[in-house]
Amino acid sequence: METLLQQGFNALSVASILLLVGLGLAITFGLMRVINMAHGEFIMAGAYTAFLCGQLFKTSPDLAFLVALPAAFVATFGMGYLLENTVISRLYGRPLDTLLATWGISLVLQQAARSIFGAQNVDVVAPSFLGGQLEIGGVTLPVLRLFIIGLALVCVGATAWFLYKTLWGRRIQAVMQNREMASCLGISTRRVDALAFSLGSGLAGIAGCGVALLGSIGSTTGTNYIVDAFMTVVLGGVGTVLGTVAGAVGIGVLNTGWENFTNASLGKVLAFLCVIAFLQWKPAGFIAVKSRALD
């Protein structure tokens, strides 16, 4: 029973990381249908923001990380707003062009990170309150992992509240469901597009802060998560926040379960094979967005 509980916590821990990195993509790809290959570089930017805050507040790593979270959101929100206005806005409805353009931008951002911070990876000092671990019923619960789980839940709750309970959140949903009708009702689709893409980018920055606590960060940090992020959104069901949660939990359970019987590399391969097989059976993912067909 202790082993089962420990594996369950490990699966939840993996799911929380996937949820963090995939939540922003659930908006840019799930709602906007924009294939943003530079999403990983927004995660990298958030991680480097945490590093810069650590350098700025060297004597107080606790304060540094608390400042890094909102700073990473603001920085990547601004990057997303700039990218949407200069590139993405000219490529709506052209998925292949969007994919190629954002892939090129990702390479530019990676090289910019190497030029600014160097080719060597750097470390972010974790706050002191995230050290240690809890022992409950023979199950080891690292405080750092508990914090990331909590951070993921807060981000999901805040995103769901914004999308379903606020005026601009409802406008985002309206534009993504029927752009022409929303425009006829007086909604500025350009402002909604910019806000939605910027919000997804800002969430990637917060994910970068969480990723920075797990190990060294470098120019390719975000690239390591981009495939998992897309798979999480697709498995859960494109266009729903709850689907992203379901997709993250599903992949987390598969990864942890297969790794327990094989190894990390083979476990990831087997998990992806299971996801592909599931999507062959249910292409819409766990939670499909229902719409009323018009004759």
Protein backbone atom coordinates (compact mmCIF):
# COMPACT_ATOMS: atom_id res chain seq x y z
CA MET A 1 0.00 0.00 0.00
CA GLU A 2 2.86 2.40 0.83
CA THR A 3 4.45 1.69 -2.55
CA LEU A 4 1.15 2.28 -4.31
CA LEU A 5 0.63 5.58 -2.50
CA GLN A 6 4.17 6.68 -3.29
CA GLN A 7 3.65 5.88 -6.98
CA GLY A 8 0.38 7.78 -6.90
CA PHE A 9 2.10 10.85 -5.50
CA ASN A 10 4.88 10.56 -8.09
CA ALA A 11 2.24 10.40 -10.84
CA LEU A 12 0.51 13.47 -9.41
CA SER A 13 3.85 15.27 -9.25
CA VAL A 14 4.60 14.55 -12.91
CA ALA A 15 1.05 15.56 -13.85
CA SER A 16 1.42 18.90 -12.06
CA ILE A 17 4.54 19.75 -14.09
CA LEU A 18 2.82 18.78 -17.35
CA LEU A 19 -0.21 20.81 -16.32
CA LEU A 20 1.92 23.88 -15.68
CA VAL A 21 3.71 23.72 -19.03
CA GLY A 22 0.55 22.78 -20.95
CA LEU A 23 -1.89 25.27 -19.46
CA GLY A 24 -0.70 28.21 -21.53
CA LEU A 25 -0.70 26.04 -24.63
CA ALA A 26 -4.30 25.07 -23.87
CA ILE A 27 -5.19 28.69 -24.63
CA THR A 28 -2.92 29.44 -27.61
CA PHE A 29 -3.40 26.05 -29.26
CA GLY A 30 -6.57 24.71 -27.66
CA LEU A 31 -8.69 27.84 -27.94
CA MET A 32 -6.96 29.89 -30.63
CA ARG A 33 -5.81 26.96 -32.82
CA VAL A 34 -2.38 28.62 -33.13
CA ILE A 35 0.50 26.14 -33.34
CA ASN A 36 3.09 28.07 -31.34
CA MET A 37 6.42 26.26 -31.54
CA ALA A 38 7.98 29.08 -29.52
CA HIS A 39 5.91 28.16 -26.45
CA GLY A 40 8.93 26.35 -25.00
CA GLU A 41 11.00 29.50 -25.29
CA PHE A 42 8.43 31.40 -23.20
CA ILE A 43 8.95 28.72 -20.56
CA MET A 44 12.69 29.31 -20.89
CA ALA A 45 12.16 33.06 -20.54
CA GLY A 46 10.21 32.52 -17.32
CA ALA A 47 12.99 30.31 -15.97
CA TYR A 48 15.64 32.91 -16.77
CA THR A 49 13.48 35.58 -15.16
CA ALA A 50 13.62 33.52 -11.95
CA PHE A 51 17.40 33.33 -12.35
CA LEU A 52 17.70 37.11 -12.81
CA CYS A 53 15.53 37.75 -9.76
CA GLY A 54 17.82 35.41 -7.81
CA GLN A 55 20.84 37.45 -8.91
CA LEU A 56 19.09 40.69 -8.00
CA PHE A 57 18.11 39.46 -4.52
CA LYS A 58 21.10 37.26 -3.71
CA THR A 59 20.82 37.81 0.01
CA SER A 60 17.15 36.80 0.10
CA PRO A 61 16.31 33.82 -2.15
CA ASP A 62 12.84 33.57 -0.58
CA LEU A 63 11.98 37.12 -1.68
CA ALA A 64 13.63 36.52 -5.05
CA PHE A 65 11.31 33.67 -5.95
CA LEU A 66 8.21 35.48 -4.72
CA VAL A 67 9.15 38.39 -6.98
CA ALA A 68 10.03 36.04 -9.85
CA LEU A 69 6.53 34.58 -10.20
CA PRO A 70 4.71 37.83 -11.11
CA ALA A 71 7.80 39.15 -12.93
CA ALA A 72 7.92 36.05 -15.17
CA PHE A 73 4.22 36.40 -15.96
CA VAL A 74 4.57 40.07 -16.87
CA ALA A 75 7.74 39.50 -18.93
CA THR A 76 6.35 36.63 -21.01
CA PHE A 77 2.93 38.31 -21.26
CA GLY A 78 4.72 41.24 -22.90
CA MET A 79 6.72 38.93 -25.16
CA GLY A 80 3.52 37.19 -26.23
CA TYR A 81 1.77 40.51 -26.91
CA LEU A 82 4.68 41.65 -29.07
CA LEU A 83 4.82 38.36 -30.98
CA GLU A 84 1.07 38.31 -31.60
CA ASN A 85 0.99 41.88 -32.91
CA THR A 86 4.04 41.57 -35.14
CA VAL A 87 3.82 37.99 -36.49
CA ILE A 88 0.86 35.86 -35.37
CA SER A 89 -1.83 38.40 -36.30
CA ARG A 90 -0.72 38.18 -39.94
CA LEU A 91 -0.87 34.38 -40.04
CA TYR A 92 -4.30 33.46 -38.65
CA GLY A 93 -5.88 30.72 -40.73
CA ARG A 94 -2.49 29.62 -42.08
CA PRO A 95 -1.36 26.87 -39.68
CA LEU A 96 1.69 25.74 -41.68
CA ASP A 97 3.01 29.30 -41.99
CA THR A 98 2.38 29.86 -38.27
CA LEU A 99 4.25 26.67 -37.37
CA LEU A 100 7.26 27.59 -39.50
CA ALA A 101 7.33 31.21 -38.32
CA THR A 102 7.13 30.36 -34.61
CA TRP A 103 9.72 27.60 -35.05
CA GLY A 104 12.08 30.17 -36.53
CA ILE A 105 11.33 32.56 -33.65
CA SER A 106 12.10 29.78 -31.17
CA LEU A 107 15.55 29.34 -32.72
CA VAL A 108 16.16 33.09 -32.54
CA LEU A 109 15.14 33.18 -28.86
CA GLN A 110 17.37 30.21 -28.06
CA GLN A 111 20.37 31.90 -29.65
CA ALA A 112 19.54 35.15 -27.87
CA ALA A 113 19.53 33.28 -24.54
CA ARG A 114 22.94 31.76 -25.35
CA SER A 115 24.33 35.18 -26.24
CA ILE A 116 23.01 36.83 -23.07
CA PHE A 117 23.45 34.10 -20.44
CA GLY A 118 26.13 31.91 -22.05
CA ALA A 119 26.04 28.34 -23.29
CA GLN A 120 26.42 26.83 -19.81
CA ASN A 121 23.33 25.99 -17.78
CA VAL A 122 22.61 28.01 -14.66
CA ASP A 123 20.87 27.16 -11.40
CA VAL A 124 18.07 28.91 -9.54
CA VAL A 125 18.36 28.85 -5.77
CA ALA A 126 15.15 27.42 -4.33
CA PRO A 127 13.54 29.28 -1.41
CA SER A 128 14.32 27.89 2.01
CA PHE A 129 10.65 27.22 2.75
CA LEU A 130 10.59 24.66 -0.08
CA GLY A 131 13.29 22.48 1.45
CA GLY A 132 12.75 19.27 3.35
CA GLN A 133 10.05 16.67 3.07
CA LEU A 134 7.03 15.32 4.88
CA GLU A 135 6.53 11.72 5.99
CA ILE A 136 2.88 10.69 6.05
CA GLY A 137 2.00 7.05 6.53
CA GLY A 138 5.36 5.90 5.20
CA VAL A 139 5.01 8.04 2.05
CA THR A 140 7.70 10.64 1.37
CA LEU A 141 6.31 13.97 0.15
CA PRO A 142 8.97 16.52 -0.88
CA VAL A 143 7.83 20.03 -0.03
CA LEU A 144 9.08 21.31 -3.40
CA ARG A 145 6.85 18.87 -5.27
CA LEU A 146 3.90 19.77 -3.06
CA PHE A 147 4.49 23.43 -3.89
CA ILE A 148 4.50 22.74 -7.65
CA ILE A 149 1.26 20.78 -7.31
CA GLY A 150 -0.26 23.71 -5.43
CA LEU A 151 1.06 26.21 -7.98
CA ALA A 152 -0.48 24.19 -10.82
CA LEU A 153 -3.85 24.06 -9.05
CA VAL A 154 -3.78 27.81 -8.40
CA CYS A 155 -2.98 28.51 -12.06
CA VAL A 156 -5.78 26.21 -13.23
CA GLY A 157 -8.26 27.81 -10.84
CA ALA A 158 -7.26 31.34 -11.85
CA THR A 159 -7.42 30.50 -15.57
CA ALA A 160 -10.82 28.83 -15.26
CA TRP A 161 -12.15 31.76 -13.24
CA PHE A 162 -10.91 34.25 -15.85
CA LEU A 163 -12.28 32.32 -18.83
CA TYR A 164 -15.69 31.45 -17.38
CA LYS A 165 -16.45 34.21 -14.87
CA THR A 166 -15.07 37.45 -16.30
CA LEU A 167 -16.23 39.63 -19.17
CA TRP A 168 -13.01 39.33 -21.16
CA GLY A 169 -12.89 35.58 -20.57
CA ARG A 170 -16.36 35.20 -22.06
CA ARG A 171 -15.32 37.41 -24.96
CA ILE A 172 -12.35 35.12 -25.62
CA GLN A 173 -14.64 32.08 -25.71
CA ALA A 174 -17.14 33.88 -27.94
CA VAL A 175 -14.49 34.90 -30.48
CA MET A 176 -12.96 31.44 -30.58
CA GLN A 177 -16.36 29.79 -31.11
CA ASN A 178 -17.75 32.17 -33.73
CA ARG A 179 -15.51 35.05 -34.75
CA GLU A 180 -17.94 36.63 -37.23
CA MET A 181 -20.89 36.66 -34.84
CA ALA A 182 -18.75 38.04 -31.99
CA SER A 183 -17.53 40.82 -34.26
CA CYS A 184 -21.11 41.67 -35.27
CA LEU A 185 -21.98 42.01 -31.57
CA GLY A 186 -19.30 44.66 -31.14
CA ILE A 187 -16.44 42.59 -29.68
CA SER A 188 -13.00 43.71 -30.84
CA THR A 189 -11.57 40.43 -32.15
CA ARG A 190 -8.08 41.95 -32.49
CA ARG A 191 -7.95 42.89 -28.83
CA VAL A 192 -9.28 39.47 -27.85
CA ASP A 193 -6.67 37.69 -29.98
CA ALA A 194 -3.86 39.72 -28.45
CA LEU A 195 -5.14 39.17 -24.90
CA ALA A 196 -5.62 35.42 -25.32
CA PHE A 197 -2.19 34.83 -26.85
CA SER A 198 -0.51 37.04 -24.25
CA LEU A 199 -2.30 35.22 -21.42
CA GLY A 200 -1.12 31.84 -22.72
CA SER A 201 2.42 33.19 -22.94
CA GLY A 202 2.25 34.60 -19.42
CA LEU A 203 1.19 31.22 -18.04
CA ALA A 204 4.22 29.69 -19.79
CA GLY A 205 6.41 32.14 -17.87
CA ILE A 206 4.97 30.95 -14.55
CA ALA A 207 5.61 27.38 -15.68
CA GLY A 208 9.21 28.38 -16.32
CA CYS A 209 9.58 29.45 -12.69
CA GLY A 210 8.33 26.04 -11.57
CA VAL A 211 10.63 24.21 -13.99
CA ALA A 212 13.60 26.27 -12.79
CA LEU A 213 13.23 24.75 -9.31
CA LEU A 214 13.65 21.21 -10.66
CA GLY A 215 17.15 21.51 -12.12
CA SER A 216 19.60 23.56 -14.17
CA ILE A 217 18.16 25.77 -16.90
CA GLY A 218 19.57 26.63 -20.30
CA SER A 219 18.60 27.84 -23.75
CA THR A 220 16.91 24.50 -24.57
CA THR A 221 15.01 24.13 -21.30
CA GLY A 222 11.62 24.80 -22.86
CA THR A 223 12.28 22.54 -25.83
CA ASN A 224 12.40 19.55 -23.49
CA TYR A 225 8.76 20.15 -22.56
CA ILE A 226 7.14 21.24 -25.82
CA VAL A 227 6.18 17.74 -27.03
CA ASP A 228 4.73 16.81 -23.63
CA ALA A 229 2.78 20.08 -23.56
CA PHE A 230 1.17 19.48 -26.96
CA MET A 231 0.42 15.87 -26.07
CA THR A 232 -1.23 16.96 -22.81
CA VAL A 233 -3.56 19.40 -24.60
CA VAL A 234 -4.44 16.96 -27.40
CA LEU A 235 -5.04 14.01 -25.05
CA GLY A 236 -7.27 16.02 -22.72
CA GLY A 237 -9.37 17.55 -25.47
CA VAL A 238 -8.60 20.69 -27.42
CA GLY A 239 -10.35 23.79 -26.13
CA THR A 240 -11.08 22.97 -22.46
CA VAL A 241 -9.17 23.72 -19.27
CA LEU A 242 -10.62 20.64 -17.57
CA GLY A 243 -9.44 18.55 -20.51
CA THR A 244 -5.89 19.81 -20.00
CA VAL A 245 -6.07 18.70 -16.37
CA ALA A 246 -7.31 15.27 -17.45
CA GLY A 247 -4.59 14.99 -20.09
CA ALA A 248 -1.84 15.92 -17.63
CA VAL A 249 -3.07 13.36 -15.07
CA GLY A 250 -3.37 10.69 -17.77
CA ILE A 251 0.16 11.17 -19.07
CA GLY A 252 1.53 11.46 -15.52
CA VAL A 253 -0.02 8.12 -14.56
CA LEU A 254 1.21 6.45 -17.75
CA ASN A 255 4.76 7.78 -17.38
CA THR A 256 5.05 6.78 -13.74
CA GLY A 257 3.43 3.40 -14.28
CA TRP A 258 5.62 2.35 -17.21
CA GLU A 259 8.80 3.71 -15.58
CA ASN A 260 8.09 1.53 -12.56
CA PHE A 261 8.32 -1.58 -14.77
CA THR A 262 10.98 -0.43 -17.29
CA ASN A 263 13.13 2.74 -17.23
CA ALA A 264 12.65 6.46 -17.82
CA SER A 265 13.31 6.48 -21.59
CA LEU A 266 11.37 3.33 -22.44
CA GLY A 267 8.59 4.34 -20.07
CA LYS A 268 8.09 7.64 -21.93
CA VAL A 269 8.02 5.82 -25.29
CA LEU A 270 5.43 3.34 -24.06
CA ALA A 271 3.35 6.16 -22.55
CA PHE A 272 3.29 8.00 -25.88
CA LEU A 273 2.33 4.81 -27.70
CA CYS A 274 -0.60 4.43 -25.30
CA VAL A 275 -1.64 8.03 -25.95
CA ILE A 276 -1.48 7.51 -29.72
CA ALA A 277 -3.56 4.34 -29.44
CA PHE A 278 -6.13 6.16 -27.29
CA LEU A 279 -6.39 9.02 -29.80
CA GLN A 280 -6.99 6.52 -32.58
CA TRP A 281 -9.99 5.32 -30.62
CA LYS A 282 -11.13 8.73 -29.40
CA PRO A 283 -9.61 11.48 -31.56
CA ALA A 284 -11.31 14.31 -29.63
CA GLY A 285 -9.50 13.38 -26.40
CA PHE A 286 -10.92 12.85 -22.93
CA ILE A 287 -13.28 15.83 -23.04
CA ALA A 288 -14.69 16.85 -26.42
CA VAL A 289 -16.10 20.32 -26.91
CA LYS A 290 -19.72 19.92 -27.96
CA SER A 291 -21.15 22.30 -30.51
CA ARG A 292 -24.50 22.58 -32.24
CA ALA A 293 -24.21 21.84 -35.93
CA LEU A 294 -25.93 24.24 -38.31
CA ASP A 295 -27.56 23.00 -41.51
